N, C-alpha and C. Protein backbone atom coordinates (compact mmCIF):
# COMPACT_ATOMS: atom_id res chain seq x y z
N UNK A 1 116.03 186.91 30.94
CA UNK A 1 115.85 186.16 30.73
C UNK A 1 117.41 186.29 29.84
N UNK A 2 117.41 184.39 30.76
CA UNK A 2 118.39 183.91 30.08
C UNK A 2 118.80 182.97 29.59
N UNK A 3 120.02 182.38 28.77
CA UNK A 3 119.81 181.58 27.69
C UNK A 3 120.90 180.87 27.96
N UNK A 4 120.76 179.29 28.13
CA UNK A 4 122.34 178.70 28.13
C UNK A 4 122.94 177.87 27.08
N UNK A 5 123.82 178.48 26.83
CA UNK A 5 124.52 177.87 24.84
C UNK A 5 125.25 176.76 25.38
N UNK A 6 124.96 175.62 24.81
CA UNK A 6 126.54 174.22 25.02
C UNK A 6 127.35 174.96 23.93
N UNK A 7 127.14 175.25 22.33
CA UNK A 7 128.69 176.08 22.33
C UNK A 7 128.06 177.62 21.97
N UNK A 8 129.16 177.64 21.27
CA UNK A 8 129.03 179.02 20.91
C UNK A 8 128.69 179.34 19.55
N UNK A 9 127.21 180.13 19.42
CA UNK A 9 127.15 180.22 18.14
C UNK A 9 128.02 181.05 16.90
N UNK A 10 127.71 181.04 15.37
CA UNK A 10 128.47 181.78 14.57
C UNK A 10 128.10 183.27 14.49
N UNK A 11 128.34 183.83 14.01
CA UNK A 11 128.57 185.54 14.42
C UNK A 11 126.80 185.51 13.56
N UNK A 12 126.80 184.82 12.69
CA UNK A 12 125.01 185.37 11.92
C UNK A 12 124.52 184.33 12.75
N UNK A 13 124.67 183.53 13.46
CA UNK A 13 123.46 182.72 15.00
C UNK A 13 123.34 183.91 15.54
N UNK A 14 124.28 184.63 15.99
CA UNK A 14 124.56 185.87 17.42
C UNK A 14 123.75 186.72 16.88
N UNK A 15 124.06 186.76 15.30
CA UNK A 15 122.84 187.61 15.42
C UNK A 15 121.38 187.82 15.38
N UNK A 16 120.94 186.81 14.81
CA UNK A 16 119.60 186.39 14.95
C UNK A 16 119.11 186.07 15.76
N UNK A 17 120.10 185.13 17.23
CA UNK A 17 119.44 185.18 18.53
C UNK A 17 119.17 186.50 18.96
N UNK A 18 120.12 187.34 19.10
CA UNK A 18 120.04 188.71 19.59
C UNK A 18 118.48 189.51 18.86
N UNK A 19 118.66 189.09 17.61
CA UNK A 19 117.40 189.43 17.16
C UNK A 19 116.32 189.09 17.49
N UNK A 20 115.77 187.99 17.80
CA UNK A 20 114.68 187.29 18.17
C UNK A 20 115.01 187.49 20.19
N UNK A 21 116.09 187.89 20.58
CA UNK A 21 115.44 188.06 22.00
C UNK A 21 115.31 189.37 22.12
N UNK A 22 115.30 190.48 21.13
CA UNK A 22 114.90 191.89 21.15
C UNK A 22 113.25 191.55 21.50
N UNK A 23 113.08 190.74 20.31
CA UNK A 23 111.61 190.60 19.49
C UNK A 23 111.17 190.16 21.16
N UNK A 24 111.10 189.83 21.33
CA UNK A 24 110.84 188.92 22.34
C UNK A 24 110.23 189.71 23.40
N UNK A 25 111.85 190.34 24.02
CA UNK A 25 111.77 191.29 24.90
C UNK A 25 110.99 192.07 24.60
N UNK A 26 110.72 193.03 23.88
CA UNK A 26 109.50 193.95 22.91
C UNK A 26 107.75 193.83 23.58
N UNK A 27 107.92 192.58 23.20
CA UNK A 27 106.46 192.11 22.89
C UNK A 27 106.17 191.48 24.11
N UNK A 28 106.77 191.31 25.66
CA UNK A 28 106.60 191.11 26.40
C UNK A 28 106.00 192.51 27.45
N UNK A 29 107.30 193.24 27.44
CA UNK A 29 106.96 194.87 27.27
C UNK A 29 105.53 195.28 26.83
N UNK A 30 105.45 195.26 25.39
CA UNK A 30 103.69 195.71 25.24
C UNK A 30 102.92 195.07 25.77
N UNK A 31 102.66 194.11 26.10
CA UNK A 31 101.75 193.18 26.60
C UNK A 31 101.91 193.28 28.44
N UNK A 32 103.00 193.79 28.90
CA UNK A 32 103.04 194.11 30.17
C UNK A 32 102.72 196.09 30.09
N UNK A 33 102.47 196.13 29.59
CA UNK A 33 102.20 197.93 29.17
C UNK A 33 100.91 197.96 29.17
N UNK A 34 99.97 196.82 28.43
CA UNK A 34 98.52 196.99 27.98
C UNK A 34 97.85 196.25 29.10
N UNK A 35 98.51 195.57 29.75
CA UNK A 35 97.98 194.90 31.22
C UNK A 35 97.46 193.84 30.84
N UNK A 36 98.08 193.17 29.95
CA UNK A 36 98.16 191.69 29.54
C UNK A 36 98.78 190.64 30.25
N UNK A 37 98.11 189.18 29.64
CA UNK A 37 99.38 188.51 30.75
C UNK A 37 100.06 187.99 29.60
N UNK A 38 101.09 187.08 29.81
CA UNK A 38 102.00 186.28 28.79
C UNK A 38 102.05 185.21 28.98
N UNK A 39 102.55 183.92 28.57
CA UNK A 39 102.40 183.03 28.91
C UNK A 39 103.93 182.64 28.53
N UNK A 40 104.93 181.94 29.31
CA UNK A 40 106.16 182.11 29.30
C UNK A 40 107.00 180.47 30.05
N UNK A 41 108.18 180.12 29.79
CA UNK A 41 108.41 178.85 30.01
C UNK A 41 109.25 179.16 30.84
N UNK A 42 109.18 178.13 32.55
CA UNK A 42 109.87 178.53 33.54
C UNK A 42 109.64 177.32 34.14
N UNK A 43 110.71 176.42 34.73
CA UNK A 43 110.97 174.93 35.10
C UNK A 43 110.47 174.11 34.44
N UNK A 44 110.78 174.02 33.52
CA UNK A 44 110.48 173.07 32.33
C UNK A 44 108.82 173.10 32.01
N UNK A 45 107.70 173.88 32.31
CA UNK A 45 106.69 174.18 32.37
C UNK A 45 105.73 175.57 31.78
N UNK A 46 104.60 176.16 31.42
CA UNK A 46 104.36 176.59 30.87
C UNK A 46 103.75 177.58 32.06
N UNK A 47 103.93 178.60 32.47
CA UNK A 47 103.24 179.47 33.24
C UNK A 47 103.01 180.91 32.18
N UNK A 48 101.97 180.93 33.02
CA UNK A 48 101.38 182.61 32.95
C UNK A 48 101.64 183.72 33.70
N UNK A 49 102.13 184.74 33.42
CA UNK A 49 102.74 185.44 34.09
C UNK A 49 101.80 187.22 34.12
N UNK A 50 101.60 187.91 35.14
CA UNK A 50 100.70 189.10 34.64
C UNK A 50 99.60 189.61 35.60
N UNK A 51 99.23 190.22 35.66
CA UNK A 51 97.79 190.80 36.77
C UNK A 51 97.16 190.41 36.63
N UNK A 52 96.43 190.34 35.06
CA UNK A 52 95.22 189.56 34.85
C UNK A 52 95.75 187.80 34.28
N UNK A 53 96.60 187.60 34.57
CA UNK A 53 96.29 185.85 34.26
C UNK A 53 95.46 185.13 35.51
N UNK A 54 95.14 184.13 34.13
CA UNK A 54 93.99 183.34 34.97
C UNK A 54 94.75 182.44 36.66
N UNK A 55 94.08 182.81 37.86
CA UNK A 55 94.60 181.69 38.52
C UNK A 55 94.50 180.15 38.46
N UNK A 56 95.07 179.72 39.41
CA UNK A 56 95.37 178.11 39.02
C UNK A 56 94.18 177.76 39.37
N UNK A 57 92.92 177.98 39.89
CA UNK A 57 91.95 177.05 39.70
C UNK A 57 90.96 177.57 38.75
N UNK A 58 91.42 177.91 37.52
CA UNK A 58 90.93 178.15 36.55
C UNK A 58 91.47 177.19 35.02
N UNK A 59 92.73 176.65 35.83
CA UNK A 59 93.66 176.48 34.52
C UNK A 59 92.90 174.91 34.36
N UNK A 60 92.26 173.95 35.03
CA UNK A 60 91.99 173.13 34.20
C UNK A 60 90.53 173.02 33.34
N UNK A 61 89.57 174.44 33.25
CA UNK A 61 89.34 174.58 32.92
C UNK A 61 88.64 173.96 31.41
């Protein structure tokens, strides 16, 4: 995942950002290993990713 920043975070802010990125990466890897889908933000909207993600025909249900 790429994060675009408008300004450089402080040293403490960077530590927090790195921590959050590691936590999210770990959670997504765990979901992948367990065969669970995940909901992520892509191109300005939520998207379900993963082999067991509901198909688009099920989305409005």
